[in-house]
Amino acid sequence: METTIWEPLEAEYKPQIVKLTEQVAQAIKEYNTENGWQVSEVSDWVDSDLAVSFLVTRPEGEPIDITFRLLDAQGWDGAENGTSFSCDIVAEGGRIVGGFHPYNYSNKCWVDPTDHDAVQERWELFRDGIDTSDIIALIEQYTD
């Protein structure tokens, strides 16, 4: 995606993604510290996407990475000028534990990144679809 399109998206949505990620991390800390789960600090990086993540380390199994992303369609399926949001929950070694990507594998997967209303609508759908209790349940149910 062109820098002139990506930079405003990142500027607007990075703080919101960081806030959501921190809220989920804090909820997990509060929920399960008595069972020995450790939750890392939230960190962010940019590859072809903006990603914000943290790691949940459990005494009974593999660590689980939880990553929230602002996606650039070009890096995923070659589509130009598309964006969306995702949450990936992945165990060490790459085993998928869970995730959420609105309209994934459909013709509604990507929205035009220059259409502010469409991106905001997608963000709201994504943000409101993140259920911390579901994420905690996936971590609890996952066995190596």
C-alpha atoms as a PDB file:
ATOM      1  CA  MET A   1       0.000   0.000   0.000  1.00  0.00           C
ATOM      2  CA  GLU A   2       1.267   3.450  -0.781  1.00  0.00           C
ATOM      3  CA  THR A   3       2.827   5.313   2.128  1.00  0.00           C
ATOM      4  CA  THR A   4       0.447   8.228   1.619  1.00  0.00           C
ATOM      5  CA  ILE A   5      -2.459   5.870   2.276  1.00  0.00           C
ATOM      6  CA  TRP A   6      -0.836   3.693   4.990  1.00  0.00           C
ATOM      7  CA  GLU A   7       0.585   6.408   7.241  1.00  0.00           C
ATOM      8  CA  PRO A   8      -2.765   8.091   8.042  1.00  0.00           C
ATOM      9  CA  LEU A   9      -4.309   4.659   8.750  1.00  0.00           C
ATOM     10  CA  GLU A  10      -1.471   3.768  11.089  1.00  0.00           C
ATOM     11  CA  ALA A  11      -1.656   7.165  12.811  1.00  0.00           C
ATOM     12  CA  GLU A  12      -5.376   6.809  13.442  1.00  0.00           C
ATOM     13  CA  TYR A  13      -5.663   3.126  14.325  1.00  0.00           C
ATOM     14  CA  LYS A  14      -2.381   2.270  16.061  1.00  0.00           C
ATOM     15  CA  PRO A  15      -3.411   3.962  19.335  1.00  0.00           C
ATOM     16  CA  GLN A  16      -6.772   2.175  19.215  1.00  0.00           C
ATOM     17  CA  ILE A  17      -5.165  -1.206  18.488  1.00  0.00           C
ATOM     18  CA  VAL A  18      -2.624  -0.687  21.286  1.00  0.00           C
ATOM     19  CA  LYS A  19      -5.438   0.229  23.699  1.00  0.00           C
ATOM     20  CA  LEU A  20      -7.489  -2.849  22.760  1.00  0.00           C
ATOM     21  CA  THR A  21      -4.434  -5.107  23.068  1.00  0.00           C
ATOM     22  CA  GLU A  22      -3.573  -3.663  26.484  1.00  0.00           C
ATOM     23  CA  GLN A  23      -7.166  -4.163  27.677  1.00  0.00           C
ATOM     24  CA  VAL A  24      -7.140  -7.827  26.635  1.00  0.00           C
ATOM     25  CA  ALA A  25      -3.710  -8.396  28.196  1.00  0.00           C
ATOM     26  CA  GLN A  26      -4.841  -6.793  31.461  1.00  0.00           C
ATOM     27  CA  ALA A  27      -8.028  -8.858  31.565  1.00  0.00           C
ATOM     28  CA  ILE A  28      -5.994 -12.057  31.145  1.00  0.00           C
ATOM     29  CA  LYS A  29      -3.587 -10.949  33.899  1.00  0.00           C
ATOM     30  CA  GLU A  30      -6.479 -10.270  36.259  1.00  0.00           C
ATOM     31  CA  TYR A  31      -8.251 -13.507  35.402  1.00  0.00           C
ATOM     32  CA  ASN A  32      -5.575 -16.115  35.733  1.00  0.00           C
ATOM     33  CA  THR A  33      -2.546 -15.038  37.711  1.00  0.00           C
ATOM     34  CA  GLU A  34      -3.437 -17.593  40.427  1.00  0.00           C
ATOM     35  CA  ASN A  35      -2.801 -20.401  37.929  1.00  0.00           C
ATOM     36  CA  GLY A  36       0.658 -19.135  37.108  1.00  0.00           C
ATOM     37  CA  TRP A  37      -0.019 -17.558  33.752  1.00  0.00           C
ATOM     38  CA  GLN A  38       2.419 -14.771  32.936  1.00  0.00           C
ATOM     39  CA  VAL A  39       1.496 -12.019  30.489  1.00  0.00           C
ATOM     40  CA  SER A  40       4.302 -10.129  28.756  1.00  0.00           C
ATOM     41  CA  GLU A  41       4.371  -6.446  28.043  1.00  0.00           C
ATOM     42  CA  VAL A  42       2.551  -5.328  24.921  1.00  0.00           C
ATOM     43  CA  SER A  43       4.863  -4.591  22.000  1.00  0.00           C
ATOM     44  CA  ASP A  44       4.336  -3.386  18.459  1.00  0.00           C
ATOM     45  CA  TRP A  45       6.154  -3.696  15.164  1.00  0.00           C
ATOM     46  CA  VAL A  46       5.577  -3.117  11.490  1.00  0.00           C
ATOM     47  CA  ASP A  47       6.304  -5.621   8.734  1.00  0.00           C
ATOM     48  CA  SER A  48       3.816  -5.405   5.897  1.00  0.00           C
ATOM     49  CA  ASP A  49       1.192  -4.764   8.588  1.00  0.00           C
ATOM     50  CA  LEU A  50       1.013  -2.969  11.895  1.00  0.00           C
ATOM     51  CA  ALA A  51       1.043  -5.615  14.627  1.00  0.00           C
ATOM     52  CA  VAL A  52       0.602  -5.285  18.386  1.00  0.00           C
ATOM     53  CA  SER A  53       1.050  -8.370  20.531  1.00  0.00           C
ATOM     54  CA  PHE A  54       1.762  -9.989  23.850  1.00  0.00           C
ATOM     55  CA  LEU A  55       2.703 -13.468  25.008  1.00  0.00           C
ATOM     56  CA  VAL A  56       0.885 -15.604  27.575  1.00  0.00           C
ATOM     57  CA  THR A  57       3.233 -18.084  29.240  1.00  0.00           C
ATOM     58  CA  ARG A  58       1.587 -20.980  31.040  1.00  0.00           C
ATOM     59  CA  PRO A  59       3.277 -23.459  33.371  1.00  0.00           C
ATOM     60  CA  GLU A  60       1.251 -26.301  31.841  1.00  0.00           C
ATOM     61  CA  GLY A  61       2.059 -25.758  28.179  1.00  0.00           C
ATOM     62  CA  GLU A  62       3.427 -23.841  25.259  1.00  0.00           C
ATOM     63  CA  PRO A  63       3.385 -20.049  25.291  1.00  0.00           C
ATOM     64  CA  ILE A  64       0.564 -18.451  23.317  1.00  0.00           C
ATOM     65  CA  ASP A  65       1.035 -15.310  21.243  1.00  0.00           C
ATOM     66  CA  ILE A  66      -1.907 -12.939  20.829  1.00  0.00           C
ATOM     67  CA  THR A  67      -1.490 -10.450  17.988  1.00  0.00           C
ATOM     68  CA  PHE A  68      -3.811  -7.689  16.811  1.00  0.00           C
ATOM     69  CA  ARG A  69      -3.150  -6.326  13.314  1.00  0.00           C
ATOM     70  CA  LEU A  70      -4.010  -3.551  10.946  1.00  0.00           C
ATOM     71  CA  LEU A  71      -3.701  -5.440   7.669  1.00  0.00           C
ATOM     72  CA  ASP A  72      -2.455  -4.365   4.267  1.00  0.00           C
ATOM     73  CA  ALA A  73      -4.213  -6.571   1.697  1.00  0.00           C
ATOM     74  CA  GLN A  74      -1.271  -6.490  -0.664  1.00  0.00           C
ATOM     75  CA  GLY A  75       0.862  -8.487   1.777  1.00  0.00           C
ATOM     76  CA  TRP A  76      -1.829 -11.141   2.200  1.00  0.00           C
ATOM     77  CA  ASP A  77      -3.398 -11.811  -1.160  1.00  0.00           C
ATOM     78  CA  GLY A  78      -1.925  -9.240  -3.515  1.00  0.00           C
ATOM     79  CA  ALA A  79      -5.028  -7.073  -3.578  1.00  0.00           C
ATOM     80  CA  GLU A  80      -4.158  -3.408  -3.907  1.00  0.00           C
ATOM     81  CA  ASN A  81      -5.579  -0.784  -1.608  1.00  0.00           C
ATOM     82  CA  GLY A  82      -7.394  -2.989   0.855  1.00  0.00           C
ATOM     83  CA  THR A  83      -7.278  -3.023   4.619  1.00  0.00           C
ATOM     84  CA  SER A  84      -8.857  -4.811   7.556  1.00  0.00           C
ATOM     85  CA  PHE A  85      -8.134  -5.873  11.141  1.00  0.00           C
ATOM     86  CA  SER A  86      -7.356  -9.254  12.663  1.00  0.00           C
ATOM     87  CA  CYS A  87      -6.589 -11.037  15.901  1.00  0.00           C
ATOM     88  CA  ASP A  88      -4.409 -14.149  15.771  1.00  0.00           C
ATOM     89  CA  ILE A  89      -3.991 -16.486  18.735  1.00  0.00           C
ATOM     90  CA  VAL A  90      -1.111 -18.847  18.005  1.00  0.00           C
ATOM     91  CA  ALA A  91       0.839 -21.315  20.146  1.00  0.00           C
ATOM     92  CA  GLU A  92       4.593 -21.539  19.978  1.00  0.00           C
ATOM     93  CA  GLY A  93       5.484 -23.481  16.866  1.00  0.00           C
ATOM     94  CA  GLY A  94       2.655 -21.981  14.826  1.00  0.00           C
ATOM     95  CA  ARG A  95      -0.344 -24.046  15.905  1.00  0.00           C
ATOM     96  CA  ILE A  96      -3.500 -21.949  15.541  1.00  0.00           C
ATOM     97  CA  VAL A  97      -5.475 -21.655  18.767  1.00  0.00           C
ATOM     98  CA  GLY A  98      -8.022 -19.129  17.493  1.00  0.00           C
ATOM     99  CA  GLY A  99      -8.535 -15.776  15.878  1.00  0.00           C
ATOM    100  CA  PHE A 100     -10.898 -13.255  14.382  1.00  0.00           C
ATOM    101  CA  HIS A 101     -10.790 -11.537  10.994  1.00  0.00           C
ATOM    102  CA  PRO A 102     -14.148 -10.128   9.887  1.00  0.00           C
ATOM    103  CA  TYR A 103     -15.275 -11.493   6.524  1.00  0.00           C
ATOM    104  CA  ASN A 104     -12.081 -13.485   6.032  1.00  0.00           C
ATOM    105  CA  TYR A 105     -12.112 -15.607   2.851  1.00  0.00           C
ATOM    106  CA  SER A 106     -15.005 -13.637   1.389  1.00  0.00           C
ATOM    107  CA  ASN A 107     -15.400 -10.849  -1.123  1.00  0.00           C
ATOM    108  CA  LYS A 108     -16.000  -8.478   1.823  1.00  0.00           C
ATOM    109  CA  CYS A 109     -12.601  -9.241   3.354  1.00  0.00           C
ATOM    110  CA  TRP A 110     -11.004  -5.916   2.457  1.00  0.00           C
ATOM    111  CA  VAL A 111     -12.263  -2.358   2.644  1.00  0.00           C
ATOM    112  CA  ASP A 112     -10.948   0.616   0.700  1.00  0.00           C
ATOM    113  CA  PRO A 113      -8.349   2.271   2.943  1.00  0.00           C
ATOM    114  CA  THR A 114      -9.195   5.703   1.518  1.00  0.00           C
ATOM    115  CA  ASP A 115     -12.853   5.358   2.577  1.00  0.00           C
ATOM    116  CA  HIS A 116     -12.714   6.615   6.153  1.00  0.00           C
ATOM    117  CA  ASP A 117     -16.268   5.538   6.964  1.00  0.00           C
ATOM    118  CA  ALA A 118     -15.716   1.998   5.645  1.00  0.00           C
ATOM    119  CA  VAL A 119     -12.492   1.591   7.638  1.00  0.00           C
ATOM    120  CA  GLN A 120     -14.134   2.978  10.781  1.00  0.00           C
ATOM    121  CA  GLU A 121     -17.109   0.645  10.334  1.00  0.00           C
ATOM    122  CA  ARG A 122     -14.736  -2.323   9.940  1.00  0.00           C
ATOM    123  CA  TRP A 123     -12.783  -1.236  13.042  1.00  0.00           C
ATOM    124  CA  GLU A 124     -15.972  -1.037  15.094  1.00  0.00           C
ATOM    125  CA  LEU A 125     -17.090  -4.475  13.882  1.00  0.00           C
ATOM    126  CA  PHE A 126     -13.668  -5.889  14.775  1.00  0.00           C
ATOM    127  CA  ARG A 127     -13.332  -4.117  18.138  1.00  0.00           C
ATOM    128  CA  ASP A 128     -16.841  -5.062  19.223  1.00  0.00           C
ATOM    129  CA  GLY A 129     -16.264  -8.676  18.144  1.00  0.00           C
ATOM    130  CA  ILE A 130     -13.271  -9.150  20.451  1.00  0.00           C
ATOM    131  CA  ASP A 131     -14.518 -11.005  23.522  1.00  0.00           C
ATOM    132  CA  THR A 132     -11.879 -11.384  26.208  1.00  0.00           C
ATOM    133  CA  SER A 133     -13.783 -14.233  27.866  1.00  0.00           C
ATOM    134  CA  ASP A 134     -13.629 -16.168  24.571  1.00  0.00           C
ATOM    135  CA  ILE A 135      -9.877 -15.569  24.333  1.00  0.00           C
ATOM    136  CA  ILE A 136      -9.382 -16.761  27.912  1.00  0.00           C
ATOM    137  CA  ALA A 137     -11.500 -19.862  27.208  1.00  0.00           C
ATOM    138  CA  LEU A 138      -9.382 -20.683  24.134  1.00  0.00           C
ATOM    139  CA  ILE A 139      -6.201 -20.423  26.206  1.00  0.00           C
ATOM    140  CA  GLU A 140      -7.668 -22.607  28.959  1.00  0.00           C
ATOM    141  CA  GLN A 141      -8.902 -25.244  26.520  1.00  0.00           C
ATOM    142  CA  TYR A 142      -5.723 -25.391  24.467  1.00  0.00           C
ATOM    143  CA  THR A 143      -3.501 -28.343  25.218  1.00  0.00           C
ATOM    144  CA  ASP A 144      -0.181 -29.025  23.561  1.00  0.00           C
END
